[in-house]
Amino acid sequence: MPDSSKIFTYVVAGLSYTVTVYEENGEFFADIAVNEGAMDVNAVYFGDDDFSGSSESLGGPLNMNGARLDGEKVQWDEATELSRPGLGPEGESKETYLQAGDTMTVALDIEDLDEIDVFGIRATSTTTGAGSIKAVSSDPEEPEEPEDPVYGKVFFGEVFSETGEPLGGTYILDEEPDPNPYSVPALPEGTEPNFENYLSYYLSDEMGGNLAAVEGVVFYGPGEDGSQEELFRIAAPEGGFADADALLAAYDDALSGTEDLSGQDLIAALSLDDYAMPEPETAEEMGADEFDLV
């Protein structure tokens, strides 16, 4: 998944496309996706919202002369040629010729997304009335980063019954109950109860967790009646989790495709019926024998 992104949109009669500019693992790219119509993308231009100084330009048919943004001439910081105009012998198979449903990725030589507030495309062989465009897009949409799911408690299980019931391991609660007669571990006060923090606390010197002994991790959250119910679980691979990064990778895989889900939607998406074991909500409701496993 991209670390961060901006989405530019361009729509005219006969053609529409989006350009998603994003950072991924420290590198920057632009995904040009045609939604309607077709175009041969010959060059891309971009710049920030400061229009002072000289403007980059490509010569001949790849220029953006006359392109305007709200009536103002655009000052471009970068211009990159992708292809020469004309489909030639390749026809519609030309790499830069995009039709509805096609996406092309272009690497960007920038160091920060703040360098791009305006994005331009010079294209020919378009399905517009003029047959070519000098398109300018601004005011990009900046999707909000999804929040990490939070949990009421997490069980790092070392022993499970044949039916999947947790038998031995360590429960960690999001907040310490008051009273806490069985001294159930809880995240330090003020800690966001996301899984990375649960895992970090489990492996801390204070807890001394043994990841090599973990057979599975069970996640709990509020059910319909407000009590803690199992949401989903991750089973350790043969030989166990190699390290914390391996467990976090398995966790990310479990959440893949459910980034926008929470609460009951998350339960429905990720619950494993064979392992759906109701669990008490608080330490007072749980038996002392169970907490002797911590």
Protein backbone atom coordinates (compact mmCIF):
# COMPACT_ATOMS: atom_id res chain seq x y z
CA MET A 1 0.00 0.00 0.00
CA PRO A 2 1.17 3.51 -0.72
CA ASP A 3 2.57 5.42 2.25
CA SER A 4 0.70 8.59 1.16
CA SER A 5 -0.95 9.84 -2.04
CA LYS A 6 -2.67 12.61 -3.99
CA ILE A 7 -5.35 11.97 -6.62
CA PHE A 8 -5.81 14.33 -9.59
CA THR A 9 -8.89 14.12 -11.83
CA TYR A 10 -9.47 15.31 -15.40
CA VAL A 11 -12.82 15.11 -17.23
CA VAL A 12 -13.79 16.44 -20.66
CA ALA A 13 -16.26 15.23 -23.28
CA GLY A 14 -15.00 11.88 -24.55
CA LEU A 15 -12.23 11.39 -22.01
CA SER A 16 -11.70 11.11 -18.26
CA TYR A 17 -8.76 9.92 -16.22
CA THR A 18 -7.22 10.05 -12.76
CA VAL A 19 -3.60 10.44 -11.77
CA THR A 20 -2.63 9.02 -8.38
CA VAL A 21 0.68 10.41 -7.20
CA TYR A 22 2.09 8.44 -4.29
CA GLU A 23 5.07 7.47 -2.20
CA GLU A 24 5.93 3.82 -1.71
CA ASN A 25 8.96 2.64 0.23
CA GLY A 26 10.65 6.00 -0.19
CA GLU A 27 10.10 6.21 -3.96
CA PHE A 28 7.52 8.28 -5.85
CA PHE A 29 5.23 7.28 -8.70
CA ALA A 30 2.23 8.44 -10.73
CA ASP A 31 -0.45 5.95 -11.77
CA ILE A 32 -2.32 7.29 -14.81
CA ALA A 33 -5.66 5.48 -15.13
CA VAL A 34 -8.16 6.10 -17.94
CA ASN A 35 -11.79 5.85 -16.84
CA GLU A 36 -13.47 6.76 -20.14
CA GLY A 37 -12.17 7.11 -23.69
CA ALA A 38 -8.53 6.74 -24.72
CA MET A 39 -5.32 8.75 -25.15
CA ASP A 40 -1.68 8.39 -26.09
CA VAL A 41 0.21 9.89 -23.14
CA ASN A 42 3.25 11.61 -24.66
CA ALA A 43 4.45 13.71 -21.72
CA VAL A 44 3.72 14.56 -18.12
CA TYR A 45 4.26 17.90 -16.41
CA PHE A 46 3.99 18.84 -12.75
CA GLY A 47 4.78 21.55 -10.27
CA ASP A 48 3.89 23.10 -6.93
CA ASP A 49 1.46 25.98 -6.35
CA ASP A 50 4.21 28.61 -6.61
CA PHE A 51 4.10 29.86 -10.21
CA SER A 52 7.13 32.14 -9.97
CA GLY A 53 10.36 31.48 -11.85
CA SER A 54 11.07 29.88 -15.20
CA SER A 55 8.97 27.01 -16.50
CA GLU A 56 10.16 23.64 -17.77
CA SER A 57 9.00 22.80 -21.28
CA LEU A 58 9.45 20.13 -23.93
CA GLY A 59 9.92 21.19 -27.52
CA GLY A 60 7.75 20.70 -30.57
CA PRO A 61 4.50 18.76 -30.26
CA LEU A 62 5.16 17.90 -26.60
CA ASN A 63 4.90 21.49 -25.36
CA MET A 64 2.15 22.72 -23.04
CA ASN A 65 1.96 26.20 -24.59
CA GLY A 66 -1.39 27.79 -23.91
CA ALA A 67 -2.30 25.54 -20.99
CA ARG A 68 -4.06 27.51 -18.25
CA LEU A 69 -5.24 26.95 -14.71
CA ASP A 70 -8.13 29.21 -13.74
CA GLY A 71 -7.03 31.57 -16.50
CA GLU A 72 -3.44 31.74 -15.23
CA LYS A 73 -0.41 30.45 -17.12
CA VAL A 74 1.10 27.46 -15.33
CA GLN A 75 4.76 27.43 -14.31
CA TRP A 76 5.96 23.82 -14.51
CA ASP A 77 8.78 22.53 -12.32
CA GLU A 78 9.31 19.27 -14.20
CA ALA A 79 8.48 17.90 -17.67
CA THR A 80 9.09 14.31 -18.79
CA GLU A 81 8.74 12.86 -22.27
CA LEU A 82 7.14 9.42 -22.41
CA SER A 83 6.64 8.91 -26.15
CA ARG A 84 6.44 10.68 -29.48
CA PRO A 85 2.99 11.50 -30.91
CA GLY A 86 1.41 9.01 -33.26
CA LEU A 87 0.49 5.39 -32.70
CA GLY A 88 2.65 4.19 -35.57
CA PRO A 89 2.96 0.50 -36.42
CA GLU A 90 2.19 -0.52 -32.84
CA GLY A 91 -1.28 0.97 -33.09
CA GLU A 92 -3.36 0.53 -29.98
CA SER A 93 -0.69 -1.79 -28.55
CA LYS A 94 1.64 1.19 -28.05
CA GLU A 95 2.80 1.22 -24.42
CA THR A 96 1.66 4.78 -23.77
CA TYR A 97 -1.74 4.37 -25.45
CA LEU A 98 -4.27 3.96 -22.66
CA GLN A 99 -7.90 2.98 -23.08
CA ALA A 100 -10.67 2.77 -20.48
CA GLY A 101 -9.51 0.42 -17.72
CA ASP A 102 -5.80 0.79 -18.51
CA THR A 103 -3.24 2.14 -16.02
CA MET A 104 0.34 3.23 -16.64
CA THR A 105 2.88 3.88 -13.88
CA VAL A 106 5.48 6.62 -14.21
CA ALA A 107 8.42 7.05 -11.82
CA LEU A 108 8.82 10.61 -10.48
CA ASP A 109 12.09 12.29 -9.58
CA ILE A 110 10.91 14.12 -6.46
CA GLU A 111 11.66 13.99 -2.74
CA ASP A 112 8.27 14.94 -1.32
CA LEU A 113 4.63 14.89 -2.46
CA ASP A 114 4.45 18.59 -1.56
CA GLU A 115 6.37 19.20 -4.79
CA ILE A 116 3.24 18.32 -6.79
CA ASP A 117 0.13 20.51 -6.54
CA VAL A 118 -0.58 20.70 -10.29
CA PHE A 119 -0.33 17.83 -12.78
CA GLY A 120 -0.40 18.12 -16.56
CA ILE A 121 -0.63 15.62 -19.39
CA ARG A 122 0.20 16.23 -23.05
CA ALA A 123 -1.59 13.55 -25.04
CA THR A 124 -2.48 12.89 -28.68
CA SER A 125 -4.70 10.32 -30.38
CA THR A 126 -7.36 11.17 -27.82
CA THR A 127 -11.07 10.45 -28.00
CA THR A 128 -11.82 14.14 -27.48
CA GLY A 129 -13.23 16.39 -30.18
CA ALA A 130 -9.84 18.02 -30.82
CA GLY A 131 -7.97 14.73 -30.89
CA SER A 132 -5.34 15.95 -28.41
CA ILE A 133 -5.15 17.55 -24.98
CA LYS A 134 -2.97 19.84 -22.93
CA ALA A 135 -4.64 18.88 -19.67
CA VAL A 136 -4.10 20.60 -16.33
CA SER A 137 -5.39 19.22 -13.02
CA SER A 138 -5.15 20.77 -9.56
CA ASP A 139 -6.84 20.56 -6.14
CA PRO A 140 -5.96 16.88 -5.64
CA GLU A 141 -7.88 14.66 -3.28
CA GLU A 142 -5.70 13.49 -0.40
CA PRO A 143 -7.16 10.27 1.04
CA GLU A 144 -7.08 9.99 4.80
CA GLU A 145 -4.81 7.32 6.15
CA PRO A 146 -6.88 4.51 7.71
CA GLU A 147 -6.64 4.30 11.47
CA ASP A 148 -5.15 1.18 13.02
CA PRO A 149 -7.83 -1.13 14.45
CA VAL A 150 -7.93 -1.20 18.25
CA TYR A 151 -8.75 -4.15 20.50
CA GLY A 152 -10.13 -4.67 23.99
CA LYS A 153 -7.65 -7.44 24.67
CA VAL A 154 -5.22 -9.72 22.87
CA PHE A 155 -4.29 -13.29 23.79
CA PHE A 156 -0.85 -14.62 22.93
CA GLY A 157 -1.69 -18.31 23.04
CA GLU A 158 0.72 -21.14 23.66
CA VAL A 159 -1.84 -23.92 24.22
CA PHE A 160 -5.25 -24.42 22.56
CA SER A 161 -7.75 -27.24 22.90
CA GLU A 162 -8.68 -29.40 19.91
CA THR A 163 -11.71 -27.14 19.38
CA GLY A 164 -9.58 -24.01 19.50
CA GLU A 165 -10.33 -22.89 23.05
CA PRO A 166 -7.46 -20.85 24.59
CA LEU A 167 -5.92 -22.87 27.40
CA GLY A 168 -2.48 -21.43 28.11
CA GLY A 169 -0.74 -18.20 27.31
CA THR A 170 -0.89 -14.49 28.10
CA TYR A 171 -3.89 -12.17 28.02
CA ILE A 172 -3.19 -8.44 27.81
CA LEU A 173 -6.05 -5.95 28.36
CA ASP A 174 -6.35 -2.48 26.85
CA GLU A 175 -6.86 -0.94 30.31
CA GLU A 176 -6.22 -2.30 33.79
CA PRO A 177 -9.50 -3.09 35.57
CA ASP A 178 -10.16 -1.73 39.05
CA PRO A 179 -10.04 -3.85 41.08
CA ASN A 180 -7.62 -6.28 39.41
CA PRO A 181 -7.56 -9.24 41.84
CA TYR A 182 -5.76 -11.57 39.43
CA SER A 183 -3.15 -9.01 38.33
CA VAL A 184 -4.08 -9.33 34.67
CA PRO A 185 -1.52 -7.51 32.51
CA ALA A 186 -2.73 -4.38 30.75
CA LEU A 187 -1.13 -1.90 28.38
CA PRO A 188 0.60 1.03 30.09
CA GLU A 189 -1.77 3.90 30.75
CA GLY A 190 -2.31 6.10 27.71
CA THR A 191 -1.11 3.48 25.18
CA GLU A 192 -3.16 3.17 22.00
CA PRO A 193 -4.54 -0.40 22.01
CA ASN A 194 -3.46 -1.31 18.48
CA PHE A 195 -1.74 -4.61 17.78
CA GLU A 196 1.74 -3.20 17.31
CA ASN A 197 1.58 -1.79 20.84
CA TYR A 198 0.20 -5.04 22.28
CA LEU A 199 3.03 -6.96 20.62
CA SER A 200 5.66 -4.48 21.77
CA TYR A 201 4.40 -4.73 25.35
CA TYR A 202 4.25 -8.54 25.21
CA LEU A 203 7.90 -8.64 24.12
CA SER A 204 9.03 -5.99 26.62
CA ASP A 205 11.37 -6.78 29.47
CA GLU A 206 8.44 -6.28 31.85
CA MET A 207 6.35 -9.01 30.21
CA GLY A 208 9.15 -11.22 28.88
CA GLY A 209 6.98 -12.77 26.19
CA ASN A 210 8.32 -15.75 24.25
CA LEU A 211 7.26 -15.40 20.64
CA ALA A 212 8.74 -18.77 19.71
CA ALA A 213 6.20 -20.47 22.01
CA VAL A 214 3.16 -18.67 20.54
CA GLU A 215 0.86 -21.01 18.61
CA GLY A 216 -1.69 -18.33 17.78
CA VAL A 217 -2.85 -14.81 18.59
CA VAL A 218 -6.51 -14.08 19.38
CA PHE A 219 -8.03 -10.59 19.06
CA TYR A 220 -11.04 -9.36 21.02
CA GLY A 221 -13.38 -6.40 20.68
CA PRO A 222 -16.84 -5.28 21.80
CA GLY A 223 -19.72 -7.47 20.68
CA GLU A 224 -23.37 -6.55 20.24
CA ASP A 225 -24.01 -6.52 23.98
CA GLY A 226 -20.81 -4.60 24.76
CA SER A 227 -18.93 -7.61 26.12
CA GLN A 228 -15.59 -8.66 24.66
CA GLU A 229 -15.92 -11.21 21.85
CA GLU A 230 -13.35 -12.85 19.65
CA LEU A 231 -12.92 -10.96 16.40
CA PHE A 232 -10.40 -13.16 14.65
CA ARG A 233 -7.15 -15.00 15.25
CA ILE A 234 -3.84 -15.69 13.57
CA ALA A 235 -2.34 -19.17 13.66
CA ALA A 236 1.43 -19.49 13.79
CA PRO A 237 3.08 -21.17 10.79
CA GLU A 238 4.90 -24.48 11.20
CA GLY A 239 7.95 -23.74 13.30
CA GLY A 240 6.35 -20.64 14.84
CA PHE A 241 6.76 -16.96 14.10
CA ALA A 242 10.37 -16.20 13.25
CA ASP A 243 10.25 -12.76 14.85
CA ALA A 244 8.01 -9.77 15.53
CA ASP A 245 8.17 -8.64 11.90
CA ALA A 246 6.88 -12.04 10.76
CA LEU A 247 3.94 -11.81 13.15
CA LEU A 248 3.15 -8.24 12.05
CA ALA A 249 3.26 -9.37 8.41
CA ALA A 250 0.78 -12.16 9.20
CA TYR A 251 -1.42 -9.63 10.97
CA ASP A 252 -1.34 -7.30 7.95
CA ASP A 253 -2.29 -10.23 5.71
CA ALA A 254 -5.25 -11.02 7.97
CA LEU A 255 -6.48 -7.45 7.70
CA SER A 256 -5.91 -7.19 3.94
CA GLY A 257 -9.09 -5.97 2.25
CA THR A 258 -10.73 -4.97 5.55
CA GLU A 259 -9.03 -1.61 6.15
CA ASP A 260 -12.34 0.24 6.30
CA LEU A 261 -14.08 -2.23 8.61
CA SER A 262 -14.53 -1.99 12.36
CA GLY A 263 -16.72 -3.39 15.14
CA GLN A 264 -19.32 -5.87 13.97
CA ASP A 265 -18.25 -5.49 10.32
CA LEU A 266 -14.75 -6.63 11.28
CA ILE A 267 -16.18 -9.54 13.26
CA ALA A 268 -18.24 -10.62 10.26
CA ALA A 269 -15.30 -10.31 7.89
CA LEU A 270 -12.67 -12.09 9.96
CA SER A 271 -14.36 -14.42 12.49
CA LEU A 272 -13.51 -18.10 12.30
CA ASP A 273 -16.67 -20.01 13.30
CA ASP A 274 -14.74 -23.06 14.52
CA TYR A 275 -12.89 -20.87 17.00
CA ALA A 276 -15.63 -18.51 18.12
CA MET A 277 -15.23 -18.90 21.87
CA PRO A 278 -17.12 -16.38 24.04
CA GLU A 279 -14.81 -14.77 26.56
CA PRO A 280 -15.62 -12.79 29.73
CA GLU A 281 -15.23 -9.06 29.55
CA THR A 282 -13.35 -8.27 32.75
CA ALA A 283 -10.98 -9.85 35.20
CA GLU A 284 -13.72 -10.14 37.83
CA GLU A 285 -15.81 -12.26 35.44
CA MET A 286 -12.93 -14.55 34.56
CA GLY A 287 -11.92 -17.49 36.73
CA ALA A 288 -8.73 -17.41 38.75
CA ASP A 289 -7.57 -20.62 37.04
CA GLU A 290 -7.60 -18.88 33.66
CA PHE A 291 -5.49 -16.00 34.90
CA ASP A 292 -2.99 -18.36 36.48
CA LEU A 293 -1.95 -18.97 32.86
CA VAL A 294 -0.65 -15.42 32.46
